[in-house]
Amino acid sequence: KIIVALKTIFDPEIPVDIYELGLIYDISVIKDDALVIMTLTSPNCPVAESLPMEVEYTVKSVDGINNAKVELTFDPPWNRDMMSEEA
């Protein structure tokens, strides 16, 4: 359910959702708490402030999830090889 929700968030510069783009590194759920580890296409991404908040809000909206936390990482740095075949 979380992945389906994340696929509704699109990178503003590339018409691809953030999951297929490879920005989501890990999703873990313990009870009703979700942790999403993600990256951005670059540290200077224009949505560096807003995109993680949008991810958190979207994950919190998933049925059965009461709390969501997003951790931003640049290790490993994102590259085009992380994109899915669909992207």
C-alpha atoms as a PDB file:
ATOM      1  CA  LYS A   1       0.000   0.000   0.000  1.00  0.00           C
ATOM      2  CA  ILE A   2       2.857   2.368   0.776  1.00  0.00           C
ATOM      3  CA  ILE A   3       4.523   1.751  -2.581  1.00  0.00           C
ATOM      4  CA  VAL A   4       1.242   2.387  -4.394  1.00  0.00           C
ATOM      5  CA  ALA A   5       0.897   5.664  -2.496  1.00  0.00           C
ATOM      6  CA  LEU A   6       4.496   6.678  -3.256  1.00  0.00           C
ATOM      7  CA  LYS A   7       3.882   6.090  -6.959  1.00  0.00           C
ATOM      8  CA  THR A   8       1.478   9.053  -6.877  1.00  0.00           C
ATOM      9  CA  ILE A   9       4.349  11.458  -6.125  1.00  0.00           C
ATOM     10  CA  PHE A  10       6.188  12.671  -9.200  1.00  0.00           C
ATOM     11  CA  ASP A  11       9.527  14.381  -9.492  1.00  0.00           C
ATOM     12  CA  PRO A  12       8.720  17.940 -10.603  1.00  0.00           C
ATOM     13  CA  GLU A  13      11.515  18.016 -13.179  1.00  0.00           C
ATOM     14  CA  ILE A  14      11.095  14.503 -14.601  1.00  0.00           C
ATOM     15  CA  PRO A  15       7.645  13.056 -15.402  1.00  0.00           C
ATOM     16  CA  VAL A  16       8.377   9.869 -13.418  1.00  0.00           C
ATOM     17  CA  ASP A  17       7.154   8.895  -9.970  1.00  0.00           C
ATOM     18  CA  ILE A  18       9.726   8.859  -7.169  1.00  0.00           C
ATOM     19  CA  TYR A  19       9.508   5.089  -6.653  1.00  0.00           C
ATOM     20  CA  GLU A  20      10.239   4.187 -10.299  1.00  0.00           C
ATOM     21  CA  LEU A  21      12.874   6.922 -10.363  1.00  0.00           C
ATOM     22  CA  GLY A  22      14.741   5.004  -7.667  1.00  0.00           C
ATOM     23  CA  LEU A  23      14.578   7.672  -4.976  1.00  0.00           C
ATOM     24  CA  ILE A  24      13.142   5.279  -2.374  1.00  0.00           C
ATOM     25  CA  TYR A  25      15.912   3.168  -0.866  1.00  0.00           C
ATOM     26  CA  ASP A  26      14.016   1.378   1.895  1.00  0.00           C
ATOM     27  CA  ILE A  27      10.596   1.157   3.517  1.00  0.00           C
ATOM     28  CA  SER A  28      10.094  -0.491   6.883  1.00  0.00           C
ATOM     29  CA  VAL A  29       6.963  -0.791   8.974  1.00  0.00           C
ATOM     30  CA  ILE A  30       6.802  -1.748  12.627  1.00  0.00           C
ATOM     31  CA  LYS A  31       3.245  -1.980  13.914  1.00  0.00           C
ATOM     32  CA  ASP A  32       1.707   1.228  12.576  1.00  0.00           C
ATOM     33  CA  ASP A  33       4.933   3.228  12.209  1.00  0.00           C
ATOM     34  CA  ALA A  34       6.640   3.585   8.825  1.00  0.00           C
ATOM     35  CA  LEU A  35      10.202   4.610   8.079  1.00  0.00           C
ATOM     36  CA  VAL A  36      11.139   5.611   4.547  1.00  0.00           C
ATOM     37  CA  ILE A  37      14.769   6.076   3.589  1.00  0.00           C
ATOM     38  CA  MET A  38      15.071   8.085   0.416  1.00  0.00           C
ATOM     39  CA  THR A  39      17.364  10.272  -1.609  1.00  0.00           C
ATOM     40  CA  LEU A  40      17.070  13.062  -4.139  1.00  0.00           C
ATOM     41  CA  THR A  41      18.478  13.267  -7.645  1.00  0.00           C
ATOM     42  CA  SER A  42      21.020  15.753  -6.273  1.00  0.00           C
ATOM     43  CA  PRO A  43      21.717  17.495  -2.960  1.00  0.00           C
ATOM     44  CA  ASN A  44      20.822  20.791  -4.662  1.00  0.00           C
ATOM     45  CA  CYS A  45      17.423  19.525  -5.806  1.00  0.00           C
ATOM     46  CA  PRO A  46      14.908  22.408  -5.810  1.00  0.00           C
ATOM     47  CA  VAL A  47      12.391  20.302  -3.836  1.00  0.00           C
ATOM     48  CA  ALA A  48      14.876  19.195  -1.163  1.00  0.00           C
ATOM     49  CA  GLU A  49      12.731  20.784   1.545  1.00  0.00           C
ATOM     50  CA  SER A  50       9.259  19.914   0.281  1.00  0.00           C
ATOM     51  CA  LEU A  51       9.590  16.434  -1.237  1.00  0.00           C
ATOM     52  CA  PRO A  52      10.478  14.576   1.993  1.00  0.00           C
ATOM     53  CA  MET A  53       7.534  16.292   3.714  1.00  0.00           C
ATOM     54  CA  GLU A  54       5.234  15.242   0.859  1.00  0.00           C
ATOM     55  CA  VAL A  55       6.488  11.651   1.184  1.00  0.00           C
ATOM     56  CA  GLU A  56       5.840  11.694   4.932  1.00  0.00           C
ATOM     57  CA  TYR A  57       2.331  13.089   4.473  1.00  0.00           C
ATOM     58  CA  THR A  58       1.526  10.557   1.741  1.00  0.00           C
ATOM     59  CA  VAL A  59       2.776   7.595   3.789  1.00  0.00           C
ATOM     60  CA  LYS A  60       0.785   8.779   6.822  1.00  0.00           C
ATOM     61  CA  SER A  61      -2.338   8.764   4.660  1.00  0.00           C
ATOM     62  CA  VAL A  62      -2.005   5.011   3.997  1.00  0.00           C
ATOM     63  CA  ASP A  63      -4.595   2.953   5.851  1.00  0.00           C
ATOM     64  CA  GLY A  64      -3.014   1.342   8.918  1.00  0.00           C
ATOM     65  CA  ILE A  65      -0.107   3.790   9.179  1.00  0.00           C
ATOM     66  CA  ASN A  66      -0.344   6.241  12.065  1.00  0.00           C
ATOM     67  CA  ASN A  67       3.167   7.651  12.035  1.00  0.00           C
ATOM     68  CA  ALA A  68       5.705   8.124   9.276  1.00  0.00           C
ATOM     69  CA  LYS A  69       9.281   9.290   9.317  1.00  0.00           C
ATOM     70  CA  VAL A  70      11.419  10.089   6.294  1.00  0.00           C
ATOM     71  CA  GLU A  71      15.193   9.937   6.423  1.00  0.00           C
ATOM     72  CA  LEU A  72      17.079  11.612   3.615  1.00  0.00           C
ATOM     73  CA  THR A  73      20.410  10.124   2.578  1.00  0.00           C
ATOM     74  CA  PHE A  74      22.888  10.640  -0.216  1.00  0.00           C
ATOM     75  CA  ASP A  75      24.744   7.397   0.413  1.00  0.00           C
ATOM     76  CA  PRO A  76      24.799   5.957  -2.144  1.00  0.00           C
ATOM     77  CA  PRO A  77      24.306   8.943  -4.407  1.00  0.00           C
ATOM     78  CA  TRP A  78      21.438   8.598  -6.878  1.00  0.00           C
ATOM     79  CA  ASN A  79      22.279   7.827 -10.491  1.00  0.00           C
ATOM     80  CA  ARG A  80      20.293   6.905 -13.603  1.00  0.00           C
ATOM     81  CA  ASP A  81      21.018   3.194 -13.104  1.00  0.00           C
ATOM     82  CA  MET A  82      18.661   3.264 -10.095  1.00  0.00           C
ATOM     83  CA  MET A  83      15.670   3.958 -12.338  1.00  0.00           C
ATOM     84  CA  SER A  84      13.346   1.060 -13.115  1.00  0.00           C
ATOM     85  CA  GLU A  85      12.785  -0.253 -16.627  1.00  0.00           C
ATOM     86  CA  GLU A  86       9.392   1.500 -16.546  1.00  0.00           C
ATOM     87  CA  ALA A  87      11.056   4.846 -15.810  1.00  0.00           C
END
